[in-house]
N, C-alpha and C. Protein backbone atom coordinates (compact mmCIF):
# COMPACT_ATOMS: atom_id res chain seq x y z
N MET A 1 37.66 189.28 3.85
CA MET A 1 38.30 189.77 4.92
C MET A 1 38.07 191.34 5.13
N SER A 2 37.45 191.67 6.41
CA SER A 2 37.14 193.21 6.56
C SER A 2 38.29 193.79 7.44
N LYS A 3 38.39 195.05 7.23
CA LYS A 3 39.35 195.79 8.11
C LYS A 3 38.49 196.82 8.89
N SER A 4 39.07 197.20 10.06
CA SER A 4 38.58 198.10 10.86
C SER A 4 38.72 199.41 10.45
N ASP A 5 37.91 200.39 10.83
CA ASP A 5 38.03 201.85 10.37
C ASP A 5 39.33 202.36 10.90
N LEU A 6 40.03 203.28 10.32
CA LEU A 6 41.13 204.02 10.81
C LEU A 6 40.75 205.05 11.84
N HIS A 7 41.48 205.26 12.76
CA HIS A 7 41.30 206.32 13.76
C HIS A 7 42.60 206.76 14.36
N ASP A 8 42.64 207.89 14.92
CA ASP A 8 43.88 208.46 15.61
C ASP A 8 44.05 207.76 17.03
N GLN A 9 45.18 207.35 17.21
CA GLN A 9 45.69 206.71 18.56
C GLN A 9 46.29 207.76 19.32
N GLU A 10 45.54 208.49 20.21
CA GLU A 10 46.27 209.70 20.83
C GLU A 10 46.95 209.27 22.07
N MET A 11 46.64 208.11 22.70
CA MET A 11 47.45 207.76 23.88
C MET A 11 47.39 206.14 24.04
N GLY A 12 48.49 205.74 24.44
CA GLY A 12 48.58 204.23 24.69
C GLY A 12 48.75 203.61 23.40
N VAL A 13 48.59 202.25 23.39
CA VAL A 13 48.83 201.33 22.13
C VAL A 13 47.53 200.54 22.08
N PRO A 14 47.18 200.17 20.79
CA PRO A 14 46.05 199.39 20.69
C PRO A 14 46.07 198.00 21.34
N GLN A 15 44.95 197.63 21.95
CA GLN A 15 44.90 196.37 22.72
C GLN A 15 45.06 195.25 21.62
N GLY A 16 45.93 194.29 21.96
CA GLY A 16 46.27 193.14 21.02
C GLY A 16 47.45 193.35 20.08
N SER A 17 47.95 194.59 20.00
CA SER A 17 49.08 194.76 19.17
C SER A 17 50.32 194.17 19.97
N ILE A 18 51.33 193.82 19.04
CA ILE A 18 52.57 193.31 19.48
C ILE A 18 53.11 194.09 20.55
N LEU A 19 53.15 195.41 20.32
CA LEU A 19 53.92 196.28 21.37
C LEU A 19 53.30 196.48 22.51
N SER A 20 51.86 196.22 22.68
CA SER A 20 51.22 196.35 23.93
C SER A 20 51.63 195.37 24.94
N ASP A 21 51.91 193.91 24.55
CA ASP A 21 52.41 192.91 25.51
C ASP A 21 53.76 193.32 25.96
N THR A 22 54.63 193.76 25.10
CA THR A 22 56.09 194.29 25.41
C THR A 22 56.08 195.42 26.40
N LEU A 23 55.26 196.49 26.08
CA LEU A 23 55.20 197.55 27.03
C LEU A 23 54.64 197.20 28.35
N PHE A 24 53.52 196.39 28.55
CA PHE A 24 52.94 195.92 29.66
C PHE A 24 53.91 195.16 30.40
N ASN A 25 54.54 194.24 29.90
CA ASN A 25 55.63 193.48 30.68
C ASN A 25 56.77 194.26 31.20
N THR A 26 57.20 195.26 30.49
CA THR A 26 58.25 196.19 30.87
C THR A 26 57.80 196.94 32.11
N LYS A 27 56.61 197.46 32.03
CA LYS A 27 56.01 198.20 33.09
C LYS A 27 55.75 197.36 34.38
N ILE A 28 55.19 196.24 34.22
CA ILE A 28 54.81 195.42 35.43
C ILE A 28 55.98 194.78 36.07
N ASN A 29 57.04 194.58 35.41
CA ASN A 29 58.35 194.11 35.89
C ASN A 29 58.86 195.00 36.96
N ASN A 30 58.60 196.27 36.83
CA ASN A 30 59.00 197.14 37.82
C ASN A 30 58.37 197.09 39.19
N SER A 31 57.23 196.41 39.14
CA SER A 31 56.48 196.24 40.46
C SER A 31 57.15 195.60 41.67
N VAL A 32 58.08 194.71 41.40
CA VAL A 32 58.76 194.10 42.31
C VAL A 32 59.83 194.99 43.06
N ASN A 33 60.10 196.10 42.36
CA ASN A 33 61.00 196.97 43.05
C ASN A 33 60.36 197.73 44.33
N ALA A 34 59.01 197.54 44.34
CA ALA A 34 58.33 198.17 45.51
C ALA A 34 58.39 197.37 46.76
N LEU A 35 58.93 196.08 46.70
CA LEU A 35 58.95 195.15 47.71
C LEU A 35 60.31 195.42 48.68
N THR A 36 60.01 195.00 49.98
CA THR A 36 61.26 195.25 50.85
C THR A 36 62.16 194.21 50.62
N PRO A 37 63.52 194.40 50.85
CA PRO A 37 64.56 193.44 50.74
C PRO A 37 64.30 192.13 51.57
N GLY A 38 64.62 190.98 51.05
CA GLY A 38 64.31 189.78 51.86
C GLY A 38 63.04 189.22 51.44
N THR A 39 62.37 189.84 50.51
CA THR A 39 60.97 189.31 50.17
C THR A 39 61.24 188.67 48.85
N ASP A 40 60.60 187.48 48.80
CA ASP A 40 60.71 186.81 47.43
C ASP A 40 59.40 187.07 46.71
N CYS A 41 59.56 187.26 45.42
CA CYS A 41 58.40 187.54 44.65
C CYS A 41 58.48 187.03 43.21
N PRO A 42 58.10 185.76 42.95
CA PRO A 42 58.14 185.25 41.52
C PRO A 42 57.09 186.02 40.75
N LEU A 43 57.35 186.37 39.55
CA LEU A 43 56.36 187.11 38.69
C LEU A 43 56.16 186.53 37.29
N TYR A 44 54.85 186.24 37.08
CA TYR A 44 54.60 185.60 35.74
C TYR A 44 53.54 186.51 35.20
N VAL A 45 53.84 187.43 34.12
CA VAL A 45 53.04 188.26 33.56
C VAL A 45 52.44 189.31 34.63
N ASP A 46 51.16 189.17 34.85
CA ASP A 46 50.55 190.03 35.91
C ASP A 46 50.14 189.26 37.12
N ASP A 47 50.72 188.09 37.32
CA ASP A 47 50.39 187.17 38.49
C ASP A 47 51.63 187.18 39.25
N PHE A 48 51.71 187.35 40.62
CA PHE A 48 52.95 187.20 41.30
C PHE A 48 52.63 186.73 42.84
N LEU A 49 53.58 186.28 43.35
CA LEU A 49 53.55 185.67 44.54
C LEU A 49 54.40 186.43 45.65
N ILE A 50 54.00 186.77 46.71
CA ILE A 50 54.82 187.45 47.74
C ILE A 50 55.10 186.50 48.84
N CYS A 51 56.37 186.33 48.97
CA CYS A 51 56.83 185.28 50.01
C CYS A 51 57.77 185.88 50.99
N TYR A 52 57.65 185.62 52.34
CA TYR A 52 58.48 186.03 53.23
C TYR A 52 58.45 184.98 54.45
N HIS A 53 59.60 184.66 54.90
CA HIS A 53 59.71 183.69 55.98
C HIS A 53 60.52 184.19 57.19
N SER A 54 60.13 183.74 58.33
CA SER A 54 60.80 184.21 59.63
C SER A 54 60.35 183.15 60.64
N LEU A 55 61.01 183.22 61.77
CA LEU A 55 60.72 182.50 62.90
C LEU A 55 59.61 183.32 63.63
N SER A 56 59.41 184.54 63.30
CA SER A 56 58.47 185.32 64.13
C SER A 56 57.25 185.64 63.38
N MET A 57 56.13 185.17 63.84
CA MET A 57 54.86 185.26 63.13
C MET A 57 54.47 186.77 63.09
N ALA A 58 54.86 187.59 64.12
CA ALA A 58 54.55 189.05 64.05
C ALA A 58 55.44 189.76 62.92
N SER A 59 56.68 189.30 62.68
CA SER A 59 57.61 189.84 61.65
C SER A 59 56.97 189.47 60.21
N ILE A 60 56.46 188.18 60.09
CA ILE A 60 55.88 187.72 58.88
C ILE A 60 54.72 188.71 58.57
N GLU A 61 53.72 188.76 59.57
CA GLU A 61 52.56 189.53 59.26
C GLU A 61 52.93 190.87 58.86
N LEU A 62 53.85 191.52 59.69
CA LEU A 62 54.22 192.97 59.24
C LEU A 62 54.70 193.19 57.93
N GLN A 63 55.74 192.20 57.60
CA GLN A 63 56.29 192.31 56.17
C GLN A 63 55.50 192.10 55.05
N LEU A 64 54.60 191.11 55.20
CA LEU A 64 53.68 190.75 54.18
C LEU A 64 52.71 191.92 53.98
N GLN A 65 52.17 192.51 55.17
CA GLN A 65 51.14 193.59 54.95
C GLN A 65 51.87 194.84 54.43
N HIS A 66 53.07 195.14 54.83
CA HIS A 66 53.87 196.13 54.41
C HIS A 66 54.10 196.10 52.80
N ASN A 67 54.50 194.89 52.36
CA ASN A 67 54.66 194.64 50.96
C ASN A 67 53.35 194.73 50.14
N ILE A 68 52.34 194.29 50.68
CA ILE A 68 51.03 194.43 50.01
C ILE A 68 50.62 195.91 49.80
N ASN A 69 50.85 196.62 50.92
CA ASN A 69 50.45 198.05 50.79
C ASN A 69 51.30 198.74 49.81
N ASN A 70 52.69 198.30 49.78
CA ASN A 70 53.66 198.87 48.73
C ASN A 70 53.18 198.64 47.36
N ILE A 71 52.70 197.28 47.11
CA ILE A 71 52.22 197.00 45.72
C ILE A 71 51.00 197.78 45.43
N GLN A 72 50.11 197.88 46.35
CA GLN A 72 49.00 198.53 45.98
C GLN A 72 49.26 200.07 45.78
N HIS A 73 50.11 200.61 46.52
CA HIS A 73 50.64 201.99 46.18
C HIS A 73 51.27 202.15 44.86
N TRP A 74 52.14 201.15 44.53
CA TRP A 74 52.82 201.15 43.28
C TRP A 74 51.75 201.08 42.09
N ALA A 75 50.76 200.24 42.43
CA ALA A 75 49.82 199.97 41.18
C ALA A 75 48.89 201.22 41.07
N THR A 76 48.56 201.88 42.23
CA THR A 76 47.84 203.12 41.93
C THR A 76 48.58 204.22 41.27
N ASN A 77 49.91 204.42 41.64
CA ASN A 77 50.68 205.41 41.04
C ASN A 77 51.01 205.06 39.63
N ASN A 78 50.92 203.81 39.15
CA ASN A 78 51.40 203.50 37.79
C ASN A 78 50.23 203.05 36.91
N GLY A 79 48.97 203.41 37.34
CA GLY A 79 47.85 203.25 36.54
C GLY A 79 47.23 201.85 36.54
N PHE A 80 47.57 200.94 37.45
CA PHE A 80 47.03 199.65 37.57
C PHE A 80 46.04 199.62 38.72
N LYS A 81 45.26 198.54 38.75
CA LYS A 81 44.30 198.50 39.90
C LYS A 81 44.37 197.00 40.35
N VAL A 82 44.50 196.98 41.73
CA VAL A 82 44.51 195.61 42.53
C VAL A 82 43.20 195.11 42.63
N SER A 83 42.81 193.88 42.22
CA SER A 83 41.57 193.25 42.39
C SER A 83 41.40 192.69 43.71
N LYS A 84 40.70 193.21 44.70
CA LYS A 84 40.57 192.55 45.89
C LYS A 84 39.96 191.15 45.92
N THR A 85 39.13 190.94 44.86
CA THR A 85 38.47 189.68 44.77
C THR A 85 39.34 188.71 44.25
N LYS A 86 40.47 188.89 43.53
CA LYS A 86 41.38 187.96 43.04
C LYS A 86 42.62 187.64 43.95
N ILE A 87 42.81 188.30 45.07
CA ILE A 87 43.83 188.08 45.94
C ILE A 87 43.67 186.96 46.95
N LYS A 88 44.48 186.12 46.88
CA LYS A 88 44.46 184.91 47.78
C LYS A 88 45.66 184.87 48.72
N CYS A 89 45.41 184.49 49.84
CA CYS A 89 46.54 184.39 50.89
C CYS A 89 46.58 182.93 51.49
N THR A 90 47.73 182.34 51.47
CA THR A 90 47.81 181.16 52.01
C THR A 90 49.12 181.05 53.02
N GLN A 91 48.91 180.61 54.21
CA GLN A 91 49.97 180.61 55.10
C GLN A 91 50.44 179.19 55.27
N PHE A 92 51.76 178.99 55.32
CA PHE A 92 52.30 177.64 55.59
C PHE A 92 53.04 177.77 56.87
N ILE A 93 52.58 177.16 57.92
CA ILE A 93 53.22 177.32 59.21
C ILE A 93 53.24 175.96 59.95
N ASN A 94 54.11 175.89 60.89
CA ASN A 94 54.28 174.78 61.79
C ASN A 94 53.23 174.96 62.77
N LEU A 95 52.19 174.19 62.85
CA LEU A 95 51.14 174.29 63.75
C LEU A 95 51.68 173.89 65.23
N LEU A 96 52.69 173.29 65.47
CA LEU A 96 53.13 172.96 66.71
C LEU A 96 53.66 174.32 67.38
N ILE A 97 54.07 175.27 66.61
CA ILE A 97 54.65 176.43 67.00
C ILE A 97 53.56 177.52 67.20
N TYR A 98 52.82 177.60 65.99
CA TYR A 98 51.76 178.81 65.86
C TYR A 98 50.48 178.28 65.75
N SER A 99 49.42 178.93 66.47
CA SER A 99 48.16 178.46 66.39
C SER A 99 47.09 179.54 65.86
N VAL A 100 47.64 180.77 65.77
CA VAL A 100 46.73 181.85 65.29
C VAL A 100 47.07 182.27 63.83
N LEU A 101 46.25 182.32 63.03
CA LEU A 101 46.40 182.85 61.58
C LEU A 101 45.86 184.18 61.53
N PHE A 102 46.58 184.98 60.69
CA PHE A 102 46.18 186.51 60.65
C PHE A 102 45.65 186.80 59.22
N PRO A 103 44.88 187.83 59.15
CA PRO A 103 44.34 188.05 57.96
C PRO A 103 45.33 189.12 57.06
N ILE A 104 45.31 188.99 55.91
CA ILE A 104 46.10 190.00 55.08
C ILE A 104 44.98 190.95 54.45
N LEU A 105 45.30 192.22 54.58
CA LEU A 105 44.23 193.24 54.21
C LEU A 105 44.64 194.04 53.17
N ILE A 106 43.84 194.38 52.24
CA ILE A 106 44.09 195.36 51.14
C ILE A 106 43.48 196.63 51.48
N GLY A 107 44.44 197.65 51.42
CA GLY A 107 43.99 198.94 51.57
C GLY A 107 43.79 199.47 53.03
N VAL A 108 44.23 198.61 53.99
CA VAL A 108 44.08 198.92 55.39
C VAL A 108 45.45 198.67 56.05
N GLN A 109 45.85 199.67 56.87
CA GLN A 109 47.08 199.48 57.62
C GLN A 109 46.80 198.77 58.93
N ILE A 110 47.63 197.92 59.24
CA ILE A 110 47.45 197.24 60.50
C ILE A 110 48.65 197.47 61.48
N GLU A 111 48.42 197.40 62.75
CA GLU A 111 49.55 197.59 63.65
C GLU A 111 50.10 196.30 63.93
N PRO A 112 51.53 196.24 64.14
CA PRO A 112 52.06 194.88 64.56
C PRO A 112 51.76 194.41 65.85
N PHE A 113 51.70 193.20 66.08
CA PHE A 113 51.49 192.71 67.67
C PHE A 113 52.71 191.88 68.04
N TYR A 114 53.01 192.16 69.17
CA TYR A 114 54.31 191.49 69.83
C TYR A 114 54.11 190.70 71.10
């Protein structure tokens, strides 16, 4: 059995240590505080789902985009990075009422439509 060389840990915790998981989970759990009231957000480690429902498609678009911008801002301020390539958006709508799907944009502000 070989051991790693000793070195000073000046900042953070070593990757793979028991403490690193606990501290990461404690920090990432605060991300849901960046969401607006009425938004559901199940969180599993570093994966989460932002859910919002309304009868108004414009309201849904505005709230989802606002919450994504808030999460991106929170991540930047807390030393995390949002991966644009790993983000997926799925819309569940009643096609008898709505026929236009909207894009969810990362890092871009959009204006609501009414």
